[in-house]
Amino acid sequence: MGERKTLRLVAQYADACNLFTFAGVPAVAQKLDVLRRHCDALGRDYGSIEKTTLGTVRLGKQTPADFVAHCRELAKIGVSHAIVNLPNAHERTPLAAFGKEVIPAVAEL
């Protein structure tokens, strides 16, 4: 997520970029703004780069609705895929809620 080197290299060479969500959506948006500026400086089409994120979902501590809202915020800033870690995936209830409430709600974002 380095702004000077890594995102410049993404703008120059990459087809996709994956950013971490631990710092929140505003931090991801700021990184994407930096990427856009690097693309502009290099004459690269910013839209040709797939933007993804990596984060953690802790259903039980978060509600499915909270995570859906988070995904909507990510989609608004241009993120096309949210990759998530589900640390309690071994528990039936959170996993079932993710499949029933989250996936259908974010499938069309």
C-alpha atoms as a PDB file:
ATOM      1  CA  MET A   1       0.000   0.000   0.000  1.00  0.00           C
ATOM      2  CA  GLY A   2       3.029   2.239  -0.395  1.00  0.00           C
ATOM      3  CA  GLU A   3       2.027   5.451  -2.088  1.00  0.00           C
ATOM      4  CA  ARG A   4       5.293   6.462  -3.704  1.00  0.00           C
ATOM      5  CA  LYS A   5       6.676   3.196  -4.986  1.00  0.00           C
ATOM      6  CA  THR A   6       4.129   0.372  -4.850  1.00  0.00           C
ATOM      7  CA  LEU A   7       1.156   2.299  -6.194  1.00  0.00           C
ATOM      8  CA  ARG A   8       3.344   3.901  -8.857  1.00  0.00           C
ATOM      9  CA  LEU A   9       4.425   0.408  -9.953  1.00  0.00           C
ATOM     10  CA  VAL A  10       0.772  -0.703  -9.969  1.00  0.00           C
ATOM     11  CA  ALA A  11      -0.070   2.247 -12.204  1.00  0.00           C
ATOM     12  CA  GLN A  12       2.782   1.405 -14.527  1.00  0.00           C
ATOM     13  CA  TYR A  13       2.599  -2.395 -14.753  1.00  0.00           C
ATOM     14  CA  ALA A  14      -0.306  -4.059 -12.934  1.00  0.00           C
ATOM     15  CA  ASP A  15      -3.731  -5.250 -14.011  1.00  0.00           C
ATOM     16  CA  ALA A  16      -5.036  -5.251 -10.442  1.00  0.00           C
ATOM     17  CA  CYS A  17      -4.315  -3.885  -6.999  1.00  0.00           C
ATOM     18  CA  ASN A  18      -5.331  -5.252  -3.611  1.00  0.00           C
ATOM     19  CA  LEU A  19      -5.577  -2.925  -0.627  1.00  0.00           C
ATOM     20  CA  PHE A  20      -6.081  -3.766   3.036  1.00  0.00           C
ATOM     21  CA  THR A  21      -9.224  -2.511   4.784  1.00  0.00           C
ATOM     22  CA  PHE A  22      -7.881  -2.539   8.360  1.00  0.00           C
ATOM     23  CA  ALA A  23      -7.457   1.250   8.276  1.00  0.00           C
ATOM     24  CA  GLY A  24     -11.007   1.827   7.025  1.00  0.00           C
ATOM     25  CA  VAL A  25     -12.703   2.880   3.831  1.00  0.00           C
ATOM     26  CA  PRO A  26     -11.355   6.476   3.921  1.00  0.00           C
ATOM     27  CA  ALA A  27      -7.780   5.114   3.904  1.00  0.00           C
ATOM     28  CA  VAL A  28      -8.589   2.848   0.935  1.00  0.00           C
ATOM     29  CA  ALA A  29     -10.163   5.799  -0.874  1.00  0.00           C
ATOM     30  CA  GLN A  30      -7.028   7.859  -0.257  1.00  0.00           C
ATOM     31  CA  LYS A  31      -4.831   5.069  -1.676  1.00  0.00           C
ATOM     32  CA  LEU A  32      -7.054   4.859  -4.754  1.00  0.00           C
ATOM     33  CA  ASP A  33      -6.751   8.634  -5.213  1.00  0.00           C
ATOM     34  CA  VAL A  34      -2.968   8.245  -5.134  1.00  0.00           C
ATOM     35  CA  LEU A  35      -3.192   5.414  -7.664  1.00  0.00           C
ATOM     36  CA  ARG A  36      -5.343   7.607  -9.918  1.00  0.00           C
ATOM     37  CA  ARG A  37      -2.758  10.409  -9.772  1.00  0.00           C
ATOM     38  CA  HIS A  38       0.027   7.970 -10.687  1.00  0.00           C
ATOM     39  CA  CYS A  39      -2.078   6.698 -13.595  1.00  0.00           C
ATOM     40  CA  ASP A  40      -2.699  10.251 -14.788  1.00  0.00           C
ATOM     41  CA  ALA A  41       1.022  11.053 -14.605  1.00  0.00           C
ATOM     42  CA  LEU A  42       1.858   7.937 -16.645  1.00  0.00           C
ATOM     43  CA  GLY A  43      -0.989   8.284 -19.138  1.00  0.00           C
ATOM     44  CA  ARG A  44      -2.531   5.025 -17.902  1.00  0.00           C
ATOM     45  CA  ASP A  45      -6.262   4.382 -17.859  1.00  0.00           C
ATOM     46  CA  TYR A  46      -7.123   4.151 -14.154  1.00  0.00           C
ATOM     47  CA  GLY A  47     -10.259   2.199 -15.041  1.00  0.00           C
ATOM     48  CA  SER A  48      -8.192  -0.606 -16.574  1.00  0.00           C
ATOM     49  CA  ILE A  49      -6.879  -1.608 -13.134  1.00  0.00           C
ATOM     50  CA  GLU A  50      -9.055  -3.911 -11.044  1.00  0.00           C
ATOM     51  CA  LYS A  51      -9.343  -2.663  -7.462  1.00  0.00           C
ATOM     52  CA  THR A  52      -9.795  -5.248  -4.707  1.00  0.00           C
ATOM     53  CA  THR A  53      -9.561  -5.225  -0.933  1.00  0.00           C
ATOM     54  CA  LEU A  54      -8.607  -7.705   1.750  1.00  0.00           C
ATOM     55  CA  GLY A  55     -10.235  -7.579   5.169  1.00  0.00           C
ATOM     56  CA  THR A  56     -11.695  -9.594   7.998  1.00  0.00           C
ATOM     57  CA  VAL A  57     -15.356 -10.215   8.781  1.00  0.00           C
ATOM     58  CA  ARG A  58     -16.229 -11.220  12.333  1.00  0.00           C
ATOM     59  CA  LEU A  59     -19.918 -12.014  12.181  1.00  0.00           C
ATOM     60  CA  GLY A  60     -21.183 -12.023  15.716  1.00  0.00           C
ATOM     61  CA  LYS A  61     -19.205  -8.896  16.484  1.00  0.00           C
ATOM     62  CA  GLN A  62     -20.428  -7.367  13.213  1.00  0.00           C
ATOM     63  CA  THR A  63     -23.908  -7.875  11.849  1.00  0.00           C
ATOM     64  CA  PRO A  64     -24.413  -9.000   8.262  1.00  0.00           C
ATOM     65  CA  ALA A  65     -26.022  -5.602   7.613  1.00  0.00           C
ATOM     66  CA  ASP A  66     -22.884  -3.848   8.907  1.00  0.00           C
ATOM     67  CA  PHE A  67     -20.695  -5.767   6.502  1.00  0.00           C
ATOM     68  CA  VAL A  68     -23.078  -5.194   3.580  1.00  0.00           C
ATOM     69  CA  ALA A  69     -22.936  -1.453   4.339  1.00  0.00           C
ATOM     70  CA  HIS A  70     -19.130  -1.687   4.381  1.00  0.00           C
ATOM     71  CA  CYS A  71     -19.173  -3.370   0.962  1.00  0.00           C
ATOM     72  CA  ARG A  72     -21.454  -0.650  -0.393  1.00  0.00           C
ATOM     73  CA  GLU A  73     -18.955   1.965   0.775  1.00  0.00           C
ATOM     74  CA  LEU A  74     -16.140   0.076  -0.941  1.00  0.00           C
ATOM     75  CA  ALA A  75     -18.145  -0.187  -4.161  1.00  0.00           C
ATOM     76  CA  LYS A  76     -18.799   3.578  -4.105  1.00  0.00           C
ATOM     77  CA  ILE A  77     -15.059   4.287  -4.142  1.00  0.00           C
ATOM     78  CA  GLY A  78     -14.420   1.860  -6.998  1.00  0.00           C
ATOM     79  CA  VAL A  79     -13.584  -1.468  -5.357  1.00  0.00           C
ATOM     80  CA  SER A  80     -14.841  -4.358  -7.482  1.00  0.00           C
ATOM     81  CA  HIS A  81     -14.088  -7.285  -5.145  1.00  0.00           C
ATOM     82  CA  ALA A  82     -13.849  -7.530  -1.362  1.00  0.00           C
ATOM     83  CA  ILE A  83     -11.801 -10.535  -0.334  1.00  0.00           C
ATOM     84  CA  VAL A  84     -12.415 -11.505   3.275  1.00  0.00           C
ATOM     85  CA  ASN A  85     -11.039 -13.668   6.019  1.00  0.00           C
ATOM     86  CA  LEU A  86     -13.723 -15.335   8.149  1.00  0.00           C
ATOM     87  CA  PRO A  87     -11.919 -16.339  11.354  1.00  0.00           C
ATOM     88  CA  ASN A  88     -15.047 -17.966  12.767  1.00  0.00           C
ATOM     89  CA  ALA A  89     -15.979 -19.826   9.571  1.00  0.00           C
ATOM     90  CA  HIS A  90     -15.887 -23.068  11.540  1.00  0.00           C
ATOM     91  CA  GLU A  91     -18.963 -21.891  13.453  1.00  0.00           C
ATOM     92  CA  ARG A  92     -22.162 -22.799  11.661  1.00  0.00           C
ATOM     93  CA  THR A  93     -24.261 -19.716  12.559  1.00  0.00           C
ATOM     94  CA  PRO A  94     -21.913 -16.960  11.262  1.00  0.00           C
ATOM     95  CA  LEU A  95     -21.112 -18.931   8.117  1.00  0.00           C
ATOM     96  CA  ALA A  96     -24.796 -19.544   7.400  1.00  0.00           C
ATOM     97  CA  ALA A  97     -25.566 -15.844   7.968  1.00  0.00           C
ATOM     98  CA  PHE A  98     -22.777 -14.860   5.579  1.00  0.00           C
ATOM     99  CA  GLY A  99     -24.153 -17.156   2.886  1.00  0.00           C
ATOM    100  CA  LYS A 100     -27.787 -16.208   3.420  1.00  0.00           C
ATOM    101  CA  GLU A 101     -27.597 -12.489   4.170  1.00  0.00           C
ATOM    102  CA  VAL A 102     -24.296 -11.111   2.892  1.00  0.00           C
ATOM    103  CA  ILE A 103     -23.549 -12.806  -0.425  1.00  0.00           C
ATOM    104  CA  PRO A 104     -26.951 -12.129  -2.038  1.00  0.00           C
ATOM    105  CA  ALA A 105     -26.917  -8.520  -0.823  1.00  0.00           C
ATOM    106  CA  VAL A 106     -23.481  -7.704  -2.251  1.00  0.00           C
ATOM    107  CA  ALA A 107     -23.619  -9.794  -5.422  1.00  0.00           C
ATOM    108  CA  GLU A 108     -24.912  -6.907  -7.518  1.00  0.00           C
ATOM    109  CA  LEU A 109     -22.727  -4.105  -6.125  1.00  0.00           C
END
